[in-house]
Amino acid sequence: MRTRLTLGQKRSLEGFGFVLPWLIGFLVFMAYPLFYSLRMSLSEVQVTATSVNLTYVGLDNYRYAFLQDNVFPVDLSNFLIESLITVPLIVVFSLLVGLMINEEVPGRAFFRAIFFLPVIFSTSEVVMTLFTQGAGGASFVERFEVFQMLVRALPQRLADPINAVMGRFTLVLWNSGVQILVILAALKTIGRNVYEAAAIDGAGRWEVFWKIILPALRPFIVLNAVYTIVDLSLSPFNPILSSVSNHMFNVRTGMGYASAIGWIYFTIVLIALAVVYSLGMRRVNTM
């Protein structure tokens, strides 16, 4: 007897079909290097002209990262604090810009293109060149001595990451192009009849935003937060990536230690993504 699939099962199969090409690519091209790097992180790696020799050392590389390395923990904590500032900044900025350029105004397509162009042109080399030429900061920050005010008002441990973010403020906002497109697409999911019903009930623009638009956009805001965290984890300003690259060719530490700090960093990013997604989607599901 032929078994009929429920609607939920059909949709699950459709979703699995879309994910299947990525899953095959991951297993073929990424799974082995990923787990080999995990093995290297537990070993002392010696590279010779003919082979790569691994000597198992257990968790020594991980202990060295937190107990003996004076640079990695500082870079990691600075990056985490900067991310706590940058992620909400980009998410809120993309939400506000998406709401503004969704309005029926002349030149709307032009403004959308302007906000998305940096996504196309700003490769790592372009961003680094602009930053080294001083084009990434906000001029008003230097003009009104905001840096000095922050140093005086905040503890040094907190002022330094804020100054770092403000020093490349323009480049941070340039990373909002994809998030703005997500917000624009999300706004199209709200039917015009919903706005008309709210207007009939006497709701103003402020009530419409808080009662209709924001609840409808919450899943997409969570998506933007997840995307922004992943994007920042691969940023050219990321000190952890530079540290991994430097230790790979360091005679004293080598690829074993580089793999260890890479796995530490990967685990922290993965935990951050899980926390943001679970908390965000829990809030969406309880509405």
C-alpha atoms as a PDB file:
ATOM      1  CA  MET A   1       0.000   0.000   0.000  1.00  0.00           C
ATOM      2  CA  ARG A   2       1.349   3.357  -1.020  1.00  0.00           C
ATOM      3  CA  THR A   3       2.004   5.697   1.898  1.00  0.00           C
ATOM      4  CA  ARG A   4       0.958   9.300   1.499  1.00  0.00           C
ATOM      5  CA  LEU A   5       3.252  11.964   2.822  1.00  0.00           C
ATOM      6  CA  THR A   6       1.874  14.728   4.973  1.00  0.00           C
ATOM      7  CA  LEU A   7       2.356  18.356   4.014  1.00  0.00           C
ATOM      8  CA  GLY A   8       4.996  18.754   6.712  1.00  0.00           C
ATOM      9  CA  GLN A   9       6.935  15.730   5.438  1.00  0.00           C
ATOM     10  CA  LYS A  10       6.796  17.031   1.865  1.00  0.00           C
ATOM     11  CA  ARG A  11       8.156  20.390   2.925  1.00  0.00           C
ATOM     12  CA  SER A  12      10.878  18.694   4.942  1.00  0.00           C
ATOM     13  CA  LEU A  13      11.906  16.684   1.887  1.00  0.00           C
ATOM     14  CA  GLU A  14      11.896  19.832  -0.250  1.00  0.00           C
ATOM     15  CA  GLY A  15      14.116  21.583   2.271  1.00  0.00           C
ATOM     16  CA  PHE A  16      16.452  18.591   2.414  1.00  0.00           C
ATOM     17  CA  GLY A  17      16.645  18.629  -1.388  1.00  0.00           C
ATOM     18  CA  PHE A  18      17.839  22.238  -1.349  1.00  0.00           C
ATOM     19  CA  VAL A  19      20.403  21.488   1.367  1.00  0.00           C
ATOM     20  CA  LEU A  20      21.640  18.233  -0.224  1.00  0.00           C
ATOM     21  CA  PRO A  21      24.082  19.830  -2.758  1.00  0.00           C
ATOM     22  CA  TRP A  22      25.740  21.813   0.039  1.00  0.00           C
ATOM     23  CA  LEU A  23      25.862  18.704   2.244  1.00  0.00           C
ATOM     24  CA  ILE A  24      27.548  16.671  -0.492  1.00  0.00           C
ATOM     25  CA  GLY A  25      30.049  19.477  -1.110  1.00  0.00           C
ATOM     26  CA  PHE A  26      30.784  19.710   2.614  1.00  0.00           C
ATOM     27  CA  LEU A  27      31.403  15.986   2.965  1.00  0.00           C
ATOM     28  CA  VAL A  28      33.576  15.823  -0.154  1.00  0.00           C
ATOM     29  CA  PHE A  29      35.646  18.984   0.199  1.00  0.00           C
ATOM     30  CA  MET A  30      35.468  20.210   3.805  1.00  0.00           C
ATOM     31  CA  ALA A  31      34.852  17.363   6.249  1.00  0.00           C
ATOM     32  CA  TYR A  32      38.307  15.776   5.977  1.00  0.00           C
ATOM     33  CA  PRO A  33      40.314  19.064   6.216  1.00  0.00           C
ATOM     34  CA  LEU A  34      38.135  20.154   9.146  1.00  0.00           C
ATOM     35  CA  PHE A  35      38.720  17.040  11.211  1.00  0.00           C
ATOM     36  CA  TYR A  36      42.358  16.843  10.143  1.00  0.00           C
ATOM     37  CA  SER A  37      42.848  20.337  11.552  1.00  0.00           C
ATOM     38  CA  LEU A  38      41.239  19.121  14.794  1.00  0.00           C
ATOM     39  CA  ARG A  39      43.783  16.311  14.898  1.00  0.00           C
ATOM     40  CA  MET A  40      46.571  18.811  14.254  1.00  0.00           C
ATOM     41  CA  SER A  41      45.347  20.986  17.145  1.00  0.00           C
ATOM     42  CA  LEU A  42      46.005  18.032  19.472  1.00  0.00           C
ATOM     43  CA  SER A  43      49.472  17.452  18.065  1.00  0.00           C
ATOM     44  CA  GLU A  44      52.881  18.977  17.605  1.00  0.00           C
ATOM     45  CA  VAL A  45      53.289  19.362  13.859  1.00  0.00           C
ATOM     46  CA  GLN A  46      56.631  19.062  12.108  1.00  0.00           C
ATOM     47  CA  VAL A  47      56.655  19.765   8.381  1.00  0.00           C
ATOM     48  CA  THR A  48      59.456  18.199   6.375  1.00  0.00           C
ATOM     49  CA  ALA A  49      60.225  18.199   2.674  1.00  0.00           C
ATOM     50  CA  THR A  50      58.427  14.890   2.166  1.00  0.00           C
ATOM     51  CA  SER A  51      55.828  14.585   4.932  1.00  0.00           C
ATOM     52  CA  VAL A  52      53.887  16.145   7.791  1.00  0.00           C
ATOM     53  CA  ASN A  53      54.645  14.465  11.129  1.00  0.00           C
ATOM     54  CA  LEU A  54      52.120  14.668  13.967  1.00  0.00           C
ATOM     55  CA  THR A  55      53.109  13.975  17.570  1.00  0.00           C
ATOM     56  CA  TYR A  56      50.125  13.729  19.906  1.00  0.00           C
ATOM     57  CA  VAL A  57      50.349  16.236  22.797  1.00  0.00           C
ATOM     58  CA  GLY A  58      46.730  16.264  23.991  1.00  0.00           C
ATOM     59  CA  LEU A  59      45.414  19.620  25.169  1.00  0.00           C
ATOM     60  CA  ASP A  60      48.838  21.265  25.508  1.00  0.00           C
ATOM     61  CA  ASN A  61      48.174  23.674  22.625  1.00  0.00           C
ATOM     62  CA  TYR A  62      44.882  24.764  24.204  1.00  0.00           C
ATOM     63  CA  ARG A  63      46.496  25.232  27.607  1.00  0.00           C
ATOM     64  CA  TYR A  64      49.233  27.309  26.019  1.00  0.00           C
ATOM     65  CA  ALA A  65      46.636  29.517  24.327  1.00  0.00           C
ATOM     66  CA  PHE A  66      44.968  30.529  27.593  1.00  0.00           C
ATOM     67  CA  LEU A  67      47.740  30.157  30.181  1.00  0.00           C
ATOM     68  CA  GLN A  68      50.979  31.176  28.431  1.00  0.00           C
ATOM     69  CA  ASP A  69      50.156  33.158  25.308  1.00  0.00           C
ATOM     70  CA  ASN A  70      49.942  36.829  26.278  1.00  0.00           C
ATOM     71  CA  VAL A  71      48.528  37.994  22.928  1.00  0.00           C
ATOM     72  CA  PHE A  72      45.749  35.606  21.897  1.00  0.00           C
ATOM     73  CA  PRO A  73      43.443  36.062  24.951  1.00  0.00           C
ATOM     74  CA  VAL A  74      43.714  39.851  24.655  1.00  0.00           C
ATOM     75  CA  ASP A  75      42.975  39.825  20.912  1.00  0.00           C
ATOM     76  CA  LEU A  76      40.082  37.442  21.460  1.00  0.00           C
ATOM     77  CA  SER A  77      38.487  39.514  24.219  1.00  0.00           C
ATOM     78  CA  ASN A  78      38.912  42.740  22.201  1.00  0.00           C
ATOM     79  CA  PHE A  79      37.291  41.127  19.177  1.00  0.00           C
ATOM     80  CA  LEU A  80      34.355  39.852  21.249  1.00  0.00           C
ATOM     81  CA  ILE A  81      33.741  43.280  22.782  1.00  0.00           C
ATOM     82  CA  GLU A  82      33.965  44.944  19.358  1.00  0.00           C
ATOM     83  CA  SER A  83      31.483  42.400  18.000  1.00  0.00           C
ATOM     84  CA  LEU A  84      29.048  43.133  20.833  1.00  0.00           C
ATOM     85  CA  ILE A  85      29.118  46.762  19.689  1.00  0.00           C
ATOM     86  CA  THR A  86      29.226  46.220  15.928  1.00  0.00           C
ATOM     87  CA  VAL A  87      26.518  43.555  15.510  1.00  0.00           C
ATOM     88  CA  PRO A  88      23.671  45.608  17.093  1.00  0.00           C
ATOM     89  CA  LEU A  89      24.938  48.692  15.247  1.00  0.00           C
ATOM     90  CA  ILE A  90      24.726  47.010  11.846  1.00  0.00           C
ATOM     91  CA  VAL A  91      21.414  45.272  12.581  1.00  0.00           C
ATOM     92  CA  VAL A  92      19.715  48.483  13.768  1.00  0.00           C
ATOM     93  CA  PHE A  93      21.222  50.560  10.943  1.00  0.00           C
ATOM     94  CA  SER A  94      20.042  48.077   8.299  1.00  0.00           C
ATOM     95  CA  LEU A  95      16.565  48.050   9.841  1.00  0.00           C
ATOM     96  CA  LEU A  96      16.279  51.850   9.806  1.00  0.00           C
ATOM     97  CA  VAL A  97      17.657  52.226   6.284  1.00  0.00           C
ATOM     98  CA  GLY A  98      15.447  49.419   5.005  1.00  0.00           C
ATOM     99  CA  LEU A  99      12.373  51.132   6.432  1.00  0.00           C
ATOM    100  CA  MET A 100      13.363  54.469   4.887  1.00  0.00           C
ATOM    101  CA  ILE A 101      14.161  53.266   1.365  1.00  0.00           C
ATOM    102  CA  ASN A 102      11.058  51.073   1.309  1.00  0.00           C
ATOM    103  CA  GLU A 103       8.922  54.203   1.143  1.00  0.00           C
ATOM    104  CA  GLU A 104       7.515  55.349  -2.182  1.00  0.00           C
ATOM    105  CA  VAL A 105       9.971  58.178  -2.865  1.00  0.00           C
ATOM    106  CA  PRO A 106      11.627  59.376  -6.100  1.00  0.00           C
ATOM    107  CA  GLY A 107      14.946  57.667  -6.743  1.00  0.00           C
ATOM    108  CA  ARG A 108      14.236  54.739  -4.465  1.00  0.00           C
ATOM    109  CA  ALA A 109      16.040  52.270  -6.769  1.00  0.00           C
ATOM    110  CA  PHE A 110      19.074  54.578  -6.854  1.00  0.00           C
ATOM    111  CA  PHE A 111      19.328  54.704  -3.057  1.00  0.00           C
ATOM    112  CA  ARG A 112      19.006  50.930  -2.856  1.00  0.00           C
ATOM    113  CA  ALA A 113      21.856  50.535  -5.331  1.00  0.00           C
ATOM    114  CA  ILE A 114      24.018  53.011  -3.390  1.00  0.00           C
ATOM    115  CA  PHE A 115      23.689  51.017  -0.169  1.00  0.00           C
ATOM    116  CA  PHE A 116      24.404  47.694  -1.903  1.00  0.00           C
ATOM    117  CA  LEU A 117      27.368  48.781  -4.070  1.00  0.00           C
ATOM    118  CA  PRO A 118      29.947  48.400  -1.255  1.00  0.00           C
ATOM    119  CA  VAL A 119      29.007  44.721  -0.990  1.00  0.00           C
ATOM    120  CA  ILE A 120      30.121  44.260  -4.601  1.00  0.00           C
ATOM    121  CA  PHE A 121      33.258  46.390  -4.621  1.00  0.00           C
ATOM    122  CA  SER A 122      34.565  46.148  -1.060  1.00  0.00           C
ATOM    123  CA  THR A 123      36.832  43.134  -1.153  1.00  0.00           C
ATOM    124  CA  SER A 124      39.308  42.655   1.682  1.00  0.00           C
ATOM    125  CA  GLU A 125      42.084  44.441  -0.174  1.00  0.00           C
ATOM    126  CA  VAL A 126      39.860  47.405  -1.080  1.00  0.00           C
ATOM    127  CA  VAL A 127      38.644  47.750   2.508  1.00  0.00           C
ATOM    128  CA  MET A 128      42.157  47.587   3.936  1.00  0.00           C
ATOM    129  CA  THR A 129      43.391  50.184   1.424  1.00  0.00           C
ATOM    130  CA  LEU A 130      40.576  52.581   2.292  1.00  0.00           C
ATOM    131  CA  PHE A 131      41.204  52.085   5.984  1.00  0.00           C
ATOM    132  CA  THR A 132      44.954  52.721   5.719  1.00  0.00           C
ATOM    133  CA  GLN A 133      44.206  55.918   3.783  1.00  0.00           C
ATOM    134  CA  GLY A 134      41.966  57.141   6.610  1.00  0.00           C
ATOM    135  CA  ALA A 135      38.713  56.846   4.656  1.00  0.00           C
ATOM    136  CA  GLY A 136      37.018  54.446   7.044  1.00  0.00           C
ATOM    137  CA  GLY A 137      36.544  56.627  10.102  1.00  0.00           C
ATOM    138  CA  ALA A 138      33.837  59.109  10.945  1.00  0.00           C
ATOM    139  CA  SER A 139      35.182  62.645  10.635  1.00  0.00           C
ATOM    140  CA  PHE A 140      32.844  64.026  13.305  1.00  0.00           C
ATOM    141  CA  VAL A 141      34.406  61.630  15.821  1.00  0.00           C
ATOM    142  CA  GLU A 142      37.821  63.235  15.390  1.00  0.00           C
ATOM    143  CA  ARG A 143      36.462  66.776  15.013  1.00  0.00           C
ATOM    144  CA  PHE A 144      34.642  66.746  18.328  1.00  0.00           C
ATOM    145  CA  GLU A 145      37.287  64.641  20.127  1.00  0.00           C
ATOM    146  CA  VAL A 146      34.917  61.776  20.855  1.00  0.00           C
ATOM    147  CA  PHE A 147      37.870  59.439  21.358  1.00  0.00           C
ATOM    148  CA  GLN A 148      39.246  61.556  24.186  1.00  0.00           C
ATOM    149  CA  MET A 149      35.814  61.823  25.774  1.00  0.00           C
ATOM    150  CA  LEU A 150      35.422  58.035  25.725  1.00  0.00           C
ATOM    151  CA  VAL A 151      38.832  57.490  27.274  1.00  0.00           C
ATOM    152  CA  ARG A 152      37.984  59.846  30.104  1.00  0.00           C
ATOM    153  CA  ALA A 153      34.449  58.539  30.658  1.00  0.00           C
ATOM    154  CA  LEU A 154      34.931  54.782  30.287  1.00  0.00           C
ATOM    155  CA  PRO A 155      37.384  52.198  31.596  1.00  0.00           C
ATOM    156  CA  GLN A 156      40.325  51.641  29.264  1.00  0.00           C
ATOM    157  CA  ARG A 157      39.275  48.013  28.705  1.00  0.00           C
ATOM    158  CA  LEU A 158      35.945  49.168  27.260  1.00  0.00           C
ATOM    159  CA  ALA A 159      37.065  52.417  25.610  1.00  0.00           C
ATOM    160  CA  ASP A 160      39.628  50.752  23.312  1.00  0.00           C
ATOM    161  CA  PRO A 161      37.140  48.450  21.472  1.00  0.00           C
ATOM    162  CA  ILE A 162      34.644  51.324  21.097  1.00  0.00           C
ATOM    163  CA  ASN A 163      37.369  53.535  19.653  1.00  0.00           C
ATOM    164  CA  ALA A 164      38.370  50.750  17.275  1.00  0.00           C
ATOM    165  CA  VAL A 165      34.795  50.439  15.996  1.00  0.00           C
ATOM    166  CA  MET A 166      34.370  54.214  15.647  1.00  0.00           C
ATOM    167  CA  GLY A 167      37.720  54.434  13.848  1.00  0.00           C
ATOM    168  CA  ARG A 168      36.270  52.398  10.982  1.00  0.00           C
ATOM    169  CA  PHE A 169      32.677  53.526  11.420  1.00  0.00           C
ATOM    170  CA  THR A 170      32.041  54.105   7.704  1.00  0.00           C
ATOM    171  CA  LEU A 171      33.387  50.693   6.758  1.00  0.00           C
ATOM    172  CA  VAL A 172      31.215  49.070   9.405  1.00  0.00           C
ATOM    173  CA  LEU A 173      28.109  50.632   7.899  1.00  0.00           C
ATOM    174  CA  TRP A 174      29.228  49.493   4.453  1.00  0.00           C
ATOM    175  CA  ASN A 175      28.747  45.926   5.669  1.00  0.00           C
ATOM    176  CA  SER A 176      24.992  46.520   5.927  1.00  0.00           C
ATOM    177  CA  GLY A 177      24.115  46.022   2.244  1.00  0.00           C
ATOM    178  CA  VAL A 178      22.949  42.413   2.438  1.00  0.00           C
ATOM    179  CA  GLN A 179      21.090  43.045   5.688  1.00  0.00           C
ATOM    180  CA  ILE A 180      19.226  45.971   4.112  1.00  0.00           C
ATOM    181  CA  LEU A 181      18.133  43.743   1.229  1.00  0.00           C
ATOM    182  CA  VAL A 182      16.863  41.167   3.731  1.00  0.00           C
ATOM    183  CA  ILE A 183      14.798  43.846   5.493  1.00  0.00           C
ATOM    184  CA  LEU A 184      13.408  45.083   2.167  1.00  0.00           C
ATOM    185  CA  ALA A 185      12.405  41.547   1.197  1.00  0.00           C
ATOM    186  CA  ALA A 186      10.845  41.027   4.630  1.00  0.00           C
ATOM    187  CA  LEU A 187       8.770  44.195   4.322  1.00  0.00           C
ATOM    188  CA  LYS A 188       7.240  42.804   1.137  1.00  0.00           C
ATOM    189  CA  THR A 189       5.780  39.914   3.132  1.00  0.00           C
ATOM    190  CA  ILE A 190       3.456  42.299   4.965  1.00  0.00           C
ATOM    191  CA  GLY A 191       0.296  42.671   2.891  1.00  0.00           C
ATOM    192  CA  ARG A 192      -1.111  46.095   2.085  1.00  0.00           C
ATOM    193  CA  ASN A 193      -4.444  45.023   3.545  1.00  0.00           C
ATOM    194  CA  VAL A 194      -2.771  44.811   6.967  1.00  0.00           C
ATOM    195  CA  TYR A 195      -1.777  48.469   6.761  1.00  0.00           C
ATOM    196  CA  GLU A 196      -5.253  49.391   5.548  1.00  0.00           C
ATOM    197  CA  ALA A 197      -6.877  47.546   8.461  1.00  0.00           C
ATOM    198  CA  ALA A 198      -4.575  49.315  10.905  1.00  0.00           C
ATOM    199  CA  ALA A 199      -5.440  52.686   9.364  1.00  0.00           C
ATOM    200  CA  ILE A 200      -9.151  51.940   9.683  1.00  0.00           C
ATOM    201  CA  ASP A 201      -8.631  51.142  13.371  1.00  0.00           C
ATOM    202  CA  GLY A 202      -6.949  54.528  13.806  1.00  0.00           C
ATOM    203  CA  ALA A 203      -3.387  53.268  14.320  1.00  0.00           C
ATOM    204  CA  GLY A 204      -0.639  55.800  13.642  1.00  0.00           C
ATOM    205  CA  ARG A 205       2.747  55.123  12.067  1.00  0.00           C
ATOM    206  CA  TRP A 206       4.342  54.562  15.465  1.00  0.00           C
ATOM    207  CA  GLU A 207       1.729  51.964  16.483  1.00  0.00           C
ATOM    208  CA  VAL A 208       1.990  50.274  13.068  1.00  0.00           C
ATOM    209  CA  PHE A 209       5.755  49.946  13.492  1.00  0.00           C
ATOM    210  CA  TRP A 210       5.621  48.415  16.976  1.00  0.00           C
ATOM    211  CA  LYS A 211       2.500  46.281  16.537  1.00  0.00           C
ATOM    212  CA  ILE A 212       2.764  45.135  12.918  1.00  0.00           C
ATOM    213  CA  ILE A 213       6.110  45.793  11.251  1.00  0.00           C
ATOM    214  CA  LEU A 214       8.518  44.872  14.050  1.00  0.00           C
ATOM    215  CA  PRO A 215       6.799  41.560  14.987  1.00  0.00           C
ATOM    216  CA  ALA A 216       6.749  40.579  11.300  1.00  0.00           C
ATOM    217  CA  LEU A 217      10.437  41.446  10.901  1.00  0.00           C
ATOM    218  CA  ARG A 218      11.717  39.651  14.016  1.00  0.00           C
ATOM    219  CA  PRO A 219      12.700  36.395  12.231  1.00  0.00           C
ATOM    220  CA  PHE A 220      14.558  38.441   9.607  1.00  0.00           C
ATOM    221  CA  ILE A 221      16.283  40.538  12.261  1.00  0.00           C
ATOM    222  CA  VAL A 222      17.522  37.292  13.827  1.00  0.00           C
ATOM    223  CA  LEU A 223      18.720  36.213  10.377  1.00  0.00           C
ATOM    224  CA  ASN A 224      20.563  39.520   9.965  1.00  0.00           C
ATOM    225  CA  ALA A 225      22.217  39.097  13.363  1.00  0.00           C
ATOM    226  CA  VAL A 226      23.411  35.595  12.445  1.00  0.00           C
ATOM    227  CA  TYR A 227      24.681  36.765   9.063  1.00  0.00           C
ATOM    228  CA  THR A 228      26.463  39.749  10.622  1.00  0.00           C
ATOM    229  CA  ILE A 229      28.251  37.565  13.173  1.00  0.00           C
ATOM    230  CA  VAL A 230      29.483  35.255  10.402  1.00  0.00           C
ATOM    231  CA  ASP A 231      30.518  38.226   8.270  1.00  0.00           C
ATOM    232  CA  LEU A 232      32.459  39.831  11.130  1.00  0.00           C
ATOM    233  CA  SER A 233      34.175  36.533  11.923  1.00  0.00           C
ATOM    234  CA  LEU A 234      35.759  36.726   8.440  1.00  0.00           C
ATOM    235  CA  SER A 235      36.498  40.455   8.531  1.00  0.00           C
ATOM    236  CA  PRO A 236      39.947  41.645   7.316  1.00  0.00           C
ATOM    237  CA  PHE A 237      40.222  43.539  10.628  1.00  0.00           C
ATOM    238  CA  ASN A 238      39.867  40.314  12.589  1.00  0.00           C
ATOM    239  CA  PRO A 239      43.011  39.901  14.760  1.00  0.00           C
ATOM    240  CA  ILE A 240      42.318  36.208  15.373  1.00  0.00           C
ATOM    241  CA  LEU A 241      42.624  35.340  11.689  1.00  0.00           C
ATOM    242  CA  SER A 242      45.912  37.217  11.523  1.00  0.00           C
ATOM    243  CA  SER A 243      47.110  35.370  14.609  1.00  0.00           C
ATOM    244  CA  VAL A 244      46.248  31.986  13.073  1.00  0.00           C
ATOM    245  CA  SER A 245      48.103  32.902   9.894  1.00  0.00           C
ATOM    246  CA  ASN A 246      51.179  34.121  11.780  1.00  0.00           C
ATOM    247  CA  HIS A 247      51.428  31.054  14.015  1.00  0.00           C
ATOM    248  CA  MET A 248      51.190  28.678  11.062  1.00  0.00           C
ATOM    249  CA  PHE A 249      54.644  29.754   9.931  1.00  0.00           C
ATOM    250  CA  ASN A 250      56.105  30.297  13.380  1.00  0.00           C
ATOM    251  CA  VAL A 251      58.904  27.838  14.115  1.00  0.00           C
ATOM    252  CA  ARG A 252      58.137  27.691  17.850  1.00  0.00           C
ATOM    253  CA  THR A 253      54.364  27.231  17.697  1.00  0.00           C
ATOM    254  CA  GLY A 254      53.621  25.966  14.189  1.00  0.00           C
ATOM    255  CA  MET A 255      50.489  24.556  12.603  1.00  0.00           C
ATOM    256  CA  GLY A 256      49.442  22.624  15.698  1.00  0.00           C
ATOM    257  CA  TYR A 257      49.017  25.733  17.813  1.00  0.00           C
ATOM    258  CA  ALA A 258      47.493  27.644  14.875  1.00  0.00           C
ATOM    259  CA  SER A 259      44.899  24.887  14.518  1.00  0.00           C
ATOM    260  CA  ALA A 260      44.181  25.009  18.256  1.00  0.00           C
ATOM    261  CA  ILE A 261      43.431  28.735  18.346  1.00  0.00           C
ATOM    262  CA  GLY A 262      41.452  28.329  15.137  1.00  0.00           C
ATOM    263  CA  TRP A 263      39.251  25.720  16.814  1.00  0.00           C
ATOM    264  CA  ILE A 264      38.873  27.873  19.917  1.00  0.00           C
ATOM    265  CA  TYR A 265      37.738  30.756  17.746  1.00  0.00           C
ATOM    266  CA  PHE A 266      35.425  28.529  15.687  1.00  0.00           C
ATOM    267  CA  THR A 267      33.806  27.144  18.839  1.00  0.00           C
ATOM    268  CA  ILE A 268      33.195  30.613  20.293  1.00  0.00           C
ATOM    269  CA  VAL A 269      31.614  31.862  17.046  1.00  0.00           C
ATOM    270  CA  LEU A 270      29.462  28.720  16.852  1.00  0.00           C
ATOM    271  CA  ILE A 271      28.266  29.220  20.439  1.00  0.00           C
ATOM    272  CA  ALA A 272      27.465  32.888  19.712  1.00  0.00           C
ATOM    273  CA  LEU A 273      25.427  31.884  16.657  1.00  0.00           C
ATOM    274  CA  ALA A 274      23.544  29.238  18.625  1.00  0.00           C
ATOM    275  CA  VAL A 275      22.741  31.669  21.447  1.00  0.00           C
ATOM    276  CA  VAL A 276      21.564  34.445  19.116  1.00  0.00           C
ATOM    277  CA  TYR A 277      19.460  32.082  17.034  1.00  0.00           C
ATOM    278  CA  SER A 278      17.895  30.237  19.969  1.00  0.00           C
ATOM    279  CA  LEU A 279      17.063  33.401  21.932  1.00  0.00           C
ATOM    280  CA  GLY A 280      15.806  35.238  18.844  1.00  0.00           C
ATOM    281  CA  MET A 281      13.643  32.414  17.556  1.00  0.00           C
ATOM    282  CA  ARG A 282      12.304  31.662  21.045  1.00  0.00           C
ATOM    283  CA  ARG A 283      11.087  35.250  21.211  1.00  0.00           C
ATOM    284  CA  VAL A 284       9.508  34.891  17.772  1.00  0.00           C
ATOM    285  CA  ASN A 285       7.758  31.619  18.656  1.00  0.00           C
ATOM    286  CA  THR A 286       6.289  33.026  21.879  1.00  0.00           C
ATOM    287  CA  MET A 287       4.558  35.882  20.081  1.00  0.00           C
END
